[in-house]
Structures are given as structure tokens and as C-alpha cells.
């Protein structure tokens, strides 16, 4: 008889814990759903309000024919080093 009383107590606890777990799961899903719904709505509104306007770029090539660019001289480059490279003992002070 004592065994059946303990079993009844445990099943009652299990039912209560199962109900609490179910309520927590429902609340958790509700909170996550609200977050995703708000994010989705804000993204869809932002996509609707911002419409990119693509236009063909205007490039003015007449600037390349100006006096300032005609006065430039071409770069001849860097001549290779002619001399002794390094020191005999690089760890000695000058």
C-alpha cells in the first residue's frame, strides 16, 4: 500500500513538472517568435523604403587634356644601388 501512495505522489509531481515545462516551452517559443517577427517586419519595411537609383556615370575625359597634366614629366625609375651593401659587423655601434 505504501508503494502505491509513493507512485501516485511521483506521477502527480511528474504531471505538474510536465505542465510547467510545457508552459516554459510555449513562452520561449512566443518570445523567439516575437523577435523574429519584429526583425522580419523591420527588414521588409526598410527594403520597401530604400529604392536604389542606378544611373549611368558621367566621365569627363577633357580633364586629361588639361595644361596641368601636359606639364608632367614621365618617371624614369629608380637606379640600382652602386656601392658596398651592409657592414662587416652589423652589431657594432657606429
PDB file of N, CA and C in Angstrom:
ATOM      1  N   UNK A   1       0.808  -1.185   0.000  1.00  0.00           N
ATOM      2  CA  UNK A   1       0.000   0.000   0.000  1.00  0.00           C
ATOM      3  C   UNK A   1       0.860   1.261   0.000  1.00  0.00           C
ATOM      4  N   UNK A   2       1.971   1.233   0.693  1.00  0.00           N
ATOM      5  CA  UNK A   2       2.843   2.392   0.756  1.00  0.00           C
ATOM      6  C   UNK A   2       3.481   2.660  -0.602  1.00  0.00           C
ATOM      7  N   UNK A   3       3.736   1.613  -1.340  1.00  0.00           N
ATOM      8  CA  UNK A   3       4.358   1.758  -2.642  1.00  0.00           C
ATOM      9  C   UNK A   3       3.412   2.484  -3.600  1.00  0.00           C
ATOM     10  N   UNK A   4       2.168   2.154  -3.582  1.00  0.00           N
ATOM     11  CA  UNK A   4       1.219   2.793  -4.490  1.00  0.00           C
ATOM     12  C   UNK A   4       1.021   4.266  -4.131  1.00  0.00           C
ATOM     13  N   UNK A   5       1.101   4.614  -2.859  1.00  0.00           N
ATOM     14  CA  UNK A   5       0.969   6.010  -2.436  1.00  0.00           C
ATOM     15  C   UNK A   5       2.134   6.839  -2.960  1.00  0.00           C
ATOM     16  N   UNK A   6       3.347   6.263  -2.888  1.00  0.00           N
ATOM     17  CA  UNK A   6       4.540   6.970  -3.382  1.00  0.00           C
ATOM     18  C   UNK A   6       4.464   7.112  -4.900  1.00  0.00           C
ATOM     19  N   UNK A   7       3.997   6.067  -5.567  1.00  0.00           N
ATOM     20  CA  UNK A   7       3.871   6.144  -7.024  1.00  0.00           C
ATOM     21  C   UNK A   7       2.865   7.206  -7.435  1.00  0.00           C
ATOM     22  N   UNK A   8       1.771   7.338  -6.697  1.00  0.00           N
ATOM     23  CA  UNK A   8       0.781   8.357  -7.004  1.00  0.00           C
ATOM     24  C   UNK A   8       1.367   9.750  -6.812  1.00  0.00           C
ATOM     25  N   UNK A   9       2.182   9.900  -5.746  1.00  0.00           N
ATOM     26  CA  UNK A   9       2.811  11.191  -5.482  1.00  0.00           C
ATOM     27  C   UNK A   9       3.771  11.563  -6.624  1.00  0.00           C
ATOM     28  N   UNK A  10       4.557  10.567  -7.085  1.00  0.00           N
ATOM     29  CA  UNK A  10       5.517  10.821  -8.156  1.00  0.00           C
ATOM     30  C   UNK A  10       4.811  11.160  -9.462  1.00  0.00           C
ATOM     31  N   UNK A  11       3.751  10.469  -9.785  1.00  0.00           N
ATOM     32  CA  UNK A  11       3.045  10.773 -11.028  1.00  0.00           C
ATOM     33  C   UNK A  11       2.416  12.154 -10.962  1.00  0.00           C
ATOM     34  N   UNK A  12       1.969  12.556  -9.773  1.00  0.00           N
ATOM     35  CA  UNK A  12       1.398  13.886  -9.624  1.00  0.00           C
ATOM     36  C   UNK A  12       2.487  14.940  -9.849  1.00  0.00           C
ATOM     37  N   UNK A  13       3.686  14.721  -9.290  1.00  0.00           N
ATOM     38  CA  UNK A  13       4.815  15.634  -9.495  1.00  0.00           C
ATOM     39  C   UNK A  13       5.197  15.678 -10.963  1.00  0.00           C
ATOM     40  N   UNK A  14       5.233  14.511 -11.582  1.00  0.00           N
ATOM     41  CA  UNK A  14       5.603  14.461 -12.999  1.00  0.00           C
ATOM     42  C   UNK A  14       4.622  15.234 -13.852  1.00  0.00           C
ATOM     43  N   UNK A  15       3.336  15.123 -13.542  1.00  0.00           N
ATOM     44  CA  UNK A  15       2.331  15.870 -14.298  1.00  0.00           C
ATOM     45  C   UNK A  15       2.524  17.372 -14.109  1.00  0.00           C
ATOM     46  N   UNK A  16       2.774  17.788 -12.869  1.00  0.00           N
ATOM     47  CA  UNK A  16       2.979  19.220 -12.597  1.00  0.00           C
ATOM     48  C   UNK A  16       4.228  19.725 -13.322  1.00  0.00           C
ATOM     49  N   UNK A  17       5.317  18.949 -13.236  1.00  0.00           N
ATOM     50  CA  UNK A  17       6.556  19.349 -13.918  1.00  0.00           C
ATOM     51  C   UNK A  17       6.369  19.368 -15.432  1.00  0.00           C
ATOM     52  N   UNK A  18       5.587  18.423 -15.962  1.00  0.00           N
ATOM     53  CA  UNK A  18       5.316  18.394 -17.394  1.00  0.00           C
ATOM     54  C   UNK A  18       4.522  19.624 -17.828  1.00  0.00           C
ATOM     55  N   UNK A  19       3.567  20.030 -17.027  1.00  0.00           N
ATOM     56  CA  UNK A  19       2.781  21.233 -17.342  1.00  0.00           C
ATOM     57  C   UNK A  19       3.666  22.471 -17.280  1.00  0.00           C
ATOM     58  N   UNK A  20       4.518  22.561 -16.246  1.00  0.00           N
ATOM     59  CA  UNK A  20       5.432  23.702 -16.121  1.00  0.00           C
ATOM     60  C   UNK A  20       6.387  23.741 -17.311  1.00  0.00           C
ATOM     61  N   UNK A  21       6.916  22.582 -17.690  1.00  0.00           N
ATOM     62  CA  UNK A  21       7.814  22.519 -18.836  1.00  0.00           C
ATOM     63  C   UNK A  21       7.092  22.954 -20.111  1.00  0.00           C
ATOM     64  N   UNK A  22       5.873  22.510 -20.287  1.00  0.00           N
ATOM     65  CA  UNK A  22       5.097  22.902 -21.465  1.00  0.00           C
ATOM     66  C   UNK A  22       4.866  24.399 -21.513  1.00  0.00           C
ATOM     67  N   UNK A  23       4.528  24.995 -20.365  1.00  0.00           N
ATOM     68  CA  UNK A  23       4.305  26.436 -20.307  1.00  0.00           C
ATOM     69  C   UNK A  23       5.593  27.186 -20.640  1.00  0.00           C
ATOM     70  N   UNK A  24       6.720  26.725 -20.103  1.00  0.00           N
ATOM     71  CA  UNK A  24       8.003  27.376 -20.388  1.00  0.00           C
ATOM     72  C   UNK A  24       8.358  27.281 -21.874  1.00  0.00           C
ATOM     73  N   UNK A  25       8.106  26.141 -22.473  1.00  0.00           N
ATOM     74  CA  UNK A  25       8.393  25.976 -23.901  1.00  0.00           C
ATOM     75  C   UNK A  25       7.516  26.914 -24.728  1.00  0.00           C
ATOM     76  N   UNK A  26       6.253  27.020 -24.383  1.00  0.00           N
ATOM     77  CA  UNK A  26       5.347  27.910 -25.117  1.00  0.00           C
ATOM     78  C   UNK A  26       5.787  29.363 -24.971  1.00  0.00           C
ATOM     79  N   UNK A  27       6.168  29.773 -23.759  1.00  0.00           N
ATOM     80  CA  UNK A  27       6.632  31.148 -23.537  1.00  0.00           C
ATOM     81  C   UNK A  27       7.912  31.403 -24.316  1.00  0.00           C
ATOM     82  N   UNK A  28       8.828  30.440 -24.303  1.00  0.00           N
ATOM     83  CA  UNK A  28      10.093  30.581 -25.018  1.00  0.00           C
ATOM     84  C   UNK A  28       9.847  30.726 -26.525  1.00  0.00           C
ATOM     85  N   UNK A  29       8.978  29.905 -27.070  1.00  0.00           N
ATOM     86  CA  UNK A  29       8.657  29.989 -28.499  1.00  0.00           C
ATOM     87  C   UNK A  29       7.981  31.326 -28.811  1.00  0.00           C
ATOM     88  N   UNK A  30       7.116  31.795 -27.926  1.00  0.00           N
ATOM     89  CA  UNK A  30       6.448  33.072 -28.129  1.00  0.00           C
ATOM     90  C   UNK A  30       7.450  34.222 -28.161  1.00  0.00           C
ATOM     91  N   UNK A  31       8.403  34.209 -27.233  1.00  0.00           N
ATOM     92  CA  UNK A  31       9.411  35.279 -27.173  1.00  0.00           C
ATOM     93  C   UNK A  31      10.280  35.249 -28.431  1.00  0.00           C
ATOM     94  N   UNK A  32      10.731  34.059 -28.832  1.00  0.00           N
ATOM     95  CA  UNK A  32      11.539  33.971 -30.048  1.00  0.00           C
ATOM     96  C   UNK A  32      10.734  34.400 -31.271  1.00  0.00           C
ATOM     97  N   UNK A  33       9.479  34.006 -31.316  1.00  0.00           N
ATOM     98  CA  UNK A  33       8.629  34.383 -32.446  1.00  0.00           C
ATOM     99  C   UNK A  33       8.459  35.879 -32.543  1.00  0.00           C
ATOM    100  N   UNK A  34       8.271  36.543 -31.416  1.00  0.00           N
ATOM    101  CA  UNK A  34       8.126  37.998 -31.421  1.00  0.00           C
ATOM    102  C   UNK A  34       9.392  38.663 -31.955  1.00  0.00           C
ATOM    103  N   UNK A  35      10.553  38.163 -31.527  1.00  0.00           N
ATOM    104  CA  UNK A  35      11.815  38.734 -32.001  1.00  0.00           C
ATOM    105  C   UNK A  35      11.989  38.566 -33.496  1.00  0.00           C
ATOM    106  N   UNK A  36      11.699  37.355 -34.009  1.00  0.00           N
ATOM    107  CA  UNK A  36      11.839  37.120 -35.439  1.00  0.00           C
ATOM    108  C   UNK A  36      10.816  37.910 -36.240  1.00  0.00           C
ATOM    109  N   UNK A  37       9.609  38.022 -35.727  1.00  0.00           N
ATOM    110  CA  UNK A  37       8.576  38.773 -36.446  1.00  0.00           C
ATOM    111  C   UNK A  37       8.954  40.246 -36.519  1.00  0.00           C
ATOM    112  N   UNK A  38       9.449  40.816 -35.418  1.00  0.00           N
ATOM    113  CA  UNK A  38       9.855  42.227 -35.436  1.00  0.00           C
ATOM    114  C   UNK A  38      11.016  42.448 -36.398  1.00  0.00           C
ATOM    115  N   UNK A  39      11.964  41.517 -36.386  1.00  0.00           N
ATOM    116  CA  UNK A  39      13.114  41.646 -37.278  1.00  0.00           C
ATOM    117  C   UNK A  39      12.662  41.547 -38.734  1.00  0.00           C
ATOM    118  N   UNK A  40      11.795  40.602 -39.031  1.00  0.00           N
ATOM    119  CA  UNK A  40      11.306  40.427 -40.394  1.00  0.00           C
ATOM    120  C   UNK A  40      10.531  41.648 -40.862  1.00  0.00           C
ATOM    121  N   UNK A  41       9.684  42.187 -40.008  1.00  0.00           N
ATOM    122  CA  UNK A  41       8.885  43.355 -40.380  1.00  0.00           C
ATOM    123  C   UNK A  41       9.787  44.564 -40.602  1.00  0.00           C
ATOM    124  N   UNK A  42      10.760  44.779 -39.721  1.00  0.00           N
ATOM    125  CA  UNK A  42      11.641  45.941 -39.886  1.00  0.00           C
ATOM    126  C   UNK A  42      12.490  45.818 -41.142  1.00  0.00           C
ATOM    127  N   UNK A  43      12.948  44.600 -41.463  1.00  0.00           N
ATOM    128  CA  UNK A  43      13.733  44.422 -42.689  1.00  0.00           C
ATOM    129  C   UNK A  43      12.883  44.631 -43.925  1.00  0.00           C
ATOM    130  N   UNK A  44      11.653  44.135 -43.904  1.00  0.00           N
ATOM    131  CA  UNK A  44      10.814  44.292 -45.081  1.00  0.00           C
ATOM    132  C   UNK A  44      10.429  45.758 -45.287  1.00  0.00           C
ATOM    133  N   UNK A  45      10.219  46.494 -44.200  1.00  0.00           N
ATOM    134  CA  UNK A  45       9.903  47.915 -44.324  1.00  0.00           C
ATOM    135  C   UNK A  45      11.112  48.682 -44.844  1.00  0.00           C
ATOM    136  N   UNK A  46      12.303  48.340 -44.328  1.00  0.00           N
ATOM    137  CA  UNK A  46      13.500  49.047 -44.785  1.00  0.00           C
ATOM    138  C   UNK A  46      13.786  48.739 -46.251  1.00  0.00           C
ATOM    139  N   UNK A  47      13.475  47.531 -46.691  1.00  0.00           N
ATOM    140  CA  UNK A  47      13.673  47.205 -48.100  1.00  0.00           C
ATOM    141  C   UNK A  47      12.696  47.970 -48.980  1.00  0.00           C
ATOM    142  N   UNK A  48      11.496  48.179 -48.482  1.00  0.00           N
ATOM    143  CA  UNK A  48      10.495  48.881 -49.279  1.00  0.00           C
ATOM    144  C   UNK A  48      10.790  50.374 -49.380  1.00  0.00           C
ATOM    145  N   UNK A  49      11.323  50.974 -48.329  1.00  0.00           N
ATOM    146  CA  UNK A  49      11.515  52.417 -48.318  1.00  0.00           C
ATOM    147  C   UNK A  49      12.763  52.847 -49.075  1.00  0.00           C
ATOM    148  N   UNK A  50      13.780  52.022 -49.123  1.00  0.00           N
ATOM    149  CA  UNK A  50      15.024  52.392 -49.794  1.00  0.00           C
ATOM    150  C   UNK A  50      15.057  51.742 -51.172  1.00  0.00           C
ATOM    151  N   UNK A  51      14.935  52.562 -52.190  1.00  0.00           N
ATOM    152  CA  UNK A  51      14.975  52.073 -53.562  1.00  0.00           C
ATOM    153  C   UNK A  51      16.214  52.674 -54.215  1.00  0.00           C
ATOM    154  N   UNK A  52      17.196  51.854 -54.514  1.00  0.00           N
ATOM    155  CA  UNK A  52      18.403  52.406 -55.131  1.00  0.00           C
ATOM    156  C   UNK A  52      18.132  52.850 -56.564  1.00  0.00           C
ATOM    157  N   UNK A  53      18.661  54.011 -56.894  1.00  0.00           N
ATOM    158  CA  UNK A  53      18.506  54.551 -58.239  1.00  0.00           C
ATOM    159  C   UNK A  53      19.852  54.403 -58.934  1.00  0.00           C
ATOM    160  N   UNK A  54      19.885  53.581 -59.944  1.00  0.00           N
ATOM    161  CA  UNK A  54      21.118  53.367 -60.695  1.00  0.00           C
ATOM    162  C   UNK A  54      21.108  54.275 -61.915  1.00  0.00           C
ATOM    163  N   UNK A  55      22.192  54.996 -62.074  1.00  0.00           N
ATOM    164  CA  UNK A  55      22.284  55.864 -63.232  1.00  0.00           C
ATOM    165  C   UNK A  55      23.650  55.679 -63.874  1.00  0.00           C
ATOM    166  N   UNK A  56      23.722  56.002 -65.107  1.00  0.00           N
ATOM    167  CA  UNK A  56      24.959  55.852 -65.858  1.00  0.00           C
ATOM    168  C   UNK A  56      25.945  56.938 -65.432  1.00  0.00           C
ATOM    169  N   UNK A  57      27.179  56.573 -65.122  1.00  0.00           N
ATOM    170  CA  UNK A  57      28.142  57.583 -64.672  1.00  0.00           C
ATOM    171  C   UNK A  57      28.603  58.468 -65.831  1.00  0.00           C
ATOM    172  N   UNK A  58      28.785  59.736 -65.516  1.00  0.00           N
ATOM    173  CA  UNK A  58      29.319  60.698 -66.479  1.00  0.00           C
ATOM    174  C   UNK A  58      30.808  60.876 -66.210  1.00  0.00           C
ATOM    175  N   UNK A  59      31.631  60.519 -67.180  1.00  0.00           N
ATOM    176  CA  UNK A  59      33.079  60.657 -67.040  1.00  0.00           C
ATOM    177  C   UNK A  59      33.534  61.767 -67.984  1.00  0.00           C
ATOM    178  N   UNK A  60      34.204  62.758 -67.394  1.00  0.00           N
ATOM    179  CA  UNK A  60      34.674  63.904 -68.174  1.00  0.00           C
ATOM    180  C   UNK A  60      36.142  63.683 -68.514  1.00  0.00           C
ATOM    181  N   UNK A  61      36.407  63.225 -69.735  1.00  0.00           N
ATOM    182  CA  UNK A  61      37.781  62.944 -70.162  1.00  0.00           C
ATOM    183  C   UNK A  61      38.530  64.198 -70.597  1.00  0.00           C
ATOM    184  N   UNK A  62      37.873  65.323 -70.665  1.00  0.00           N
ATOM    185  CA  UNK A  62      38.555  66.555 -71.077  1.00  0.00           C
ATOM    186  C   UNK A  62      39.561  67.007 -70.010  1.00  0.00           C
ATOM    187  N   UNK A  63      39.414  66.535 -68.788  1.00  0.00           N
ATOM    188  CA  UNK A  63      40.358  66.882 -67.726  1.00  0.00           C
ATOM    189  C   UNK A  63      41.742  66.313 -68.036  1.00  0.00           C
ATOM    190  N   UNK A  64      41.791  65.171 -68.719  1.00  0.00           N
ATOM    191  CA  UNK A  64      43.075  64.549 -69.044  1.00  0.00           C
ATOM    192  C   UNK A  64      43.853  65.348 -70.093  1.00  0.00           C
ATOM    193  N   UNK A  65      43.208  66.229 -70.783  1.00  0.00           N
ATOM    194  CA  UNK A  65      43.873  67.038 -71.805  1.00  0.00           C
ATOM    195  C   UNK A  65      44.253  68.422 -71.273  1.00  0.00           C
ATOM    196  N   UNK A  66      44.127  68.649 -69.986  1.00  0.00           N
ATOM    197  CA  UNK A  66      44.416  69.956 -69.408  1.00  0.00           C
ATOM    198  C   UNK A  66      45.900  70.267 -69.349  1.00  0.00           C
ATOM    199  N   UNK A  67      46.207  71.549 -69.058  1.00  0.00           N
ATOM    200  CA  UNK A  67      47.591  72.023 -69.028  1.00  0.00           C
ATOM    201  C   UNK A  67      48.374  71.399 -67.882  1.00  0.00           C
ATOM    202  N   UNK A  68      47.738  71.175 -66.761  1.00  0.00           N
ATOM    203  CA  UNK A  68      48.424  70.631 -65.586  1.00  0.00           C
ATOM    204  C   UNK A  68      48.963  69.226 -65.862  1.00  0.00           C
ATOM    205  N   UNK A  69      48.238  68.440 -66.587  1.00  0.00           N
ATOM    206  CA  UNK A  69      48.717  67.086 -66.882  1.00  0.00           C
ATOM    207  C   UNK A  69      49.733  67.067 -68.015  1.00  0.00           C
ATOM    208  N   UNK A  70      49.678  68.032 -68.907  1.00  0.00           N
ATOM    209  CA  UNK A  70      50.649  68.074 -70.002  1.00  0.00           C
ATOM    210  C   UNK A  70      52.024  68.506 -69.497  1.00  0.00           C
ATOM    211  N   UNK A  71      52.081  69.259 -68.391  1.00  0.00           N
ATOM    212  CA  UNK A  71      53.363  69.722 -67.849  1.00  0.00           C
ATOM    213  C   UNK A  71      54.099  68.637 -67.067  1.00  0.00           C
ATOM    214  N   UNK A  72      53.454  67.521 -66.795  1.00  0.00           N
ATOM    215  CA  UNK A  72      54.098  66.451 -66.029  1.00  0.00           C
ATOM    216  C   UNK A  72      55.159  65.760 -66.861  1.00  0.00           C
ATOM    217  N   UNK A  73      56.213  65.292 -66.174  1.00  0.00           N
ATOM    218  CA  UNK A  73      57.289  64.574 -66.851  1.00  0.00           C
ATOM    219  C   UNK A  73      57.192  63.096 -66.472  1.00  0.00           C
ATOM    220  N   UNK A  74      57.581  62.223 -67.377  1.00  0.00           N
ATOM    221  CA  UNK A  74      57.486  60.787 -67.068  1.00  0.00           C
ATOM    222  C   UNK A  74      58.499  60.387 -66.004  1.00  0.00           C
ATOM    223  N   UNK A  75      58.155  59.395 -65.245  1.00  0.00           N
ATOM    224  CA  UNK A  75      59.008  58.885 -64.184  1.00  0.00           C
ATOM    225  C   UNK A  75      60.003  57.900 -64.784  1.00  0.00           C
ATOM    226  N   UNK A  76      61.303  58.138 -64.526  1.00  0.00           N
ATOM    227  CA  UNK A  76      62.334  57.313 -65.149  1.00  0.00           C
ATOM    228  C   UNK A  76      62.622  56.038 -64.371  1.00  0.00           C
ATOM    229  N   UNK A  77      62.254  55.982 -63.124  1.00  0.00           N
ATOM    230  CA  UNK A  77      62.514  54.774 -62.341  1.00  0.00           C
ATOM    231  C   UNK A  77      63.663  54.977 -61.382  1.00  0.00           C
ATOM    232  N   UNK A  78      63.906  54.005 -60.564  1.00  0.00           N
ATOM    233  CA  UNK A  78      64.967  54.062 -59.568  1.00  0.00           C
ATOM    234  C   UNK A  78      66.155  53.273 -60.086  1.00  0.00           C
ATOM    235  N   UNK A  79      67.313  53.907 -60.036  1.00  0.00           N
ATOM    236  CA  UNK A  79      68.524  53.235 -60.491  1.00  0.00           C
ATOM    237  C   UNK A  79      68.987  52.254 -59.416  1.00  0.00           C
ATOM    238  N   UNK A  80      69.561  51.140 -59.804  1.00  0.00           N
ATOM    239  CA  UNK A  80      70.050  50.175 -58.809  1.00  0.00           C
ATOM    240  C   UNK A  80      71.195  50.760 -57.992  1.00  0.00           C
ATOM    241  N   UNK A  81      71.345  50.257 -56.746  1.00  0.00           N
ATOM    242  CA  UNK A  81      72.355  50.740 -55.816  1.00  0.00           C
ATOM    243  C   UNK A  81      73.738  50.323 -56.279  1.00  0.00           C
ATOM    244  N   UNK A  82      74.645  51.307 -56.323  1.00  0.00           N
ATOM    245  CA  UNK A  82      76.021  51.026 -56.727  1.00  0.00           C
ATOM    246  C   UNK A  82      76.930  51.323 -55.549  1.00  0.00           C
ATOM    247  N   UNK A  83      77.344  50.324 -54.867  1.00  0.00           N
ATOM    248  CA  UNK A  83      78.215  50.504 -53.719  1.00  0.00           C
ATOM    249  C   UNK A  83      78.221  49.249 -52.874  1.00  0.00           C
ATOM    250  N   UNK A  84      78.898  49.363 -51.743  1.00  0.00           N
ATOM    251  CA  UNK A  84      79.010  48.214 -50.852  1.00  0.00           C
ATOM    252  C   UNK A  84      77.741  48.118 -50.018  1.00  0.00           C
ATOM    253  N   UNK A  85      77.148  46.948 -49.972  1.00  0.00           N
ATOM    254  CA  UNK A  85      75.929  46.732 -49.211  1.00  0.00           C
ATOM    255  C   UNK A  85      76.294  46.162 -47.846  1.00  0.00           C
ATOM    256  N   UNK A  86      75.769  46.786 -46.793  1.00  0.00           N
ATOM    257  CA  UNK A  86      75.946  46.275 -45.446  1.00  0.00           C
ATOM    258  C   UNK A  86      77.266  46.671 -44.824  1.00  0.00           C
ATOM    259  N   UNK A  87      77.491  46.196 -43.574  1.00  0.00           N
ATOM    260  CA  UNK A  87      78.730  46.442 -42.858  1.00  0.00           C
ATOM    261  C   UNK A  87      79.390  45.117 -42.537  1.00  0.00           C
ATOM    262  N   UNK A  88      80.670  45.178 -42.137  1.00  0.00           N
ATOM    263  CA  UNK A  88      81.361  43.942 -41.801  1.00  0.00           C
ATOM    264  C   UNK A  88      80.733  43.295 -40.574  1.00  0.00           C
ATOM    265  N   UNK A  89      80.492  44.086 -39.510  1.00  0.00           N
ATOM    266  CA  UNK A  89      79.852  43.567 -38.296  1.00  0.00           C
ATOM    267  C   UNK A  89      78.643  44.461 -37.979  1.00  0.00           C
ATOM    268  N   UNK A  90      77.462  44.010 -38.276  1.00  0.00           N
ATOM    269  CA  UNK A  90      76.298  44.865 -38.097  1.00  0.00           C
ATOM    270  C   UNK A  90      75.918  45.112 -36.639  1.00  0.00           C
ATOM    271  N   UNK A  91      76.520  44.374 -35.708  1.00  0.00           N
ATOM    272  CA  UNK A  91      76.172  44.536 -34.302  1.00  0.00           C
ATOM    273  C   UNK A  91      77.049  45.541 -33.558  1.00  0.00           C
ATOM    274  N   UNK A  92      78.059  46.078 -34.213  1.00  0.00           N
ATOM    275  CA  UNK A  92      78.949  47.071 -33.625  1.00  0.00           C
ATOM    276  C   UNK A  92      78.329  48.460 -33.841  1.00  0.00           C
ATOM    277  N   UNK A  93      78.433  49.310 -32.789  1.00  0.00           N
ATOM    278  CA  UNK A  93      77.898  50.676 -32.919  1.00  0.00           C
ATOM    279  C   UNK A  93      78.746  51.474 -33.874  1.00  0.00           C
ATOM    280  N   UNK A  94      78.114  52.551 -34.437  1.00  0.00           N
ATOM    281  CA  UNK A  94      78.849  53.436 -35.347  1.00  0.00           C
ATOM    282  C   UNK A  94      79.905  54.207 -34.605  1.00  0.00           C
TER     283      UNK A  94
END
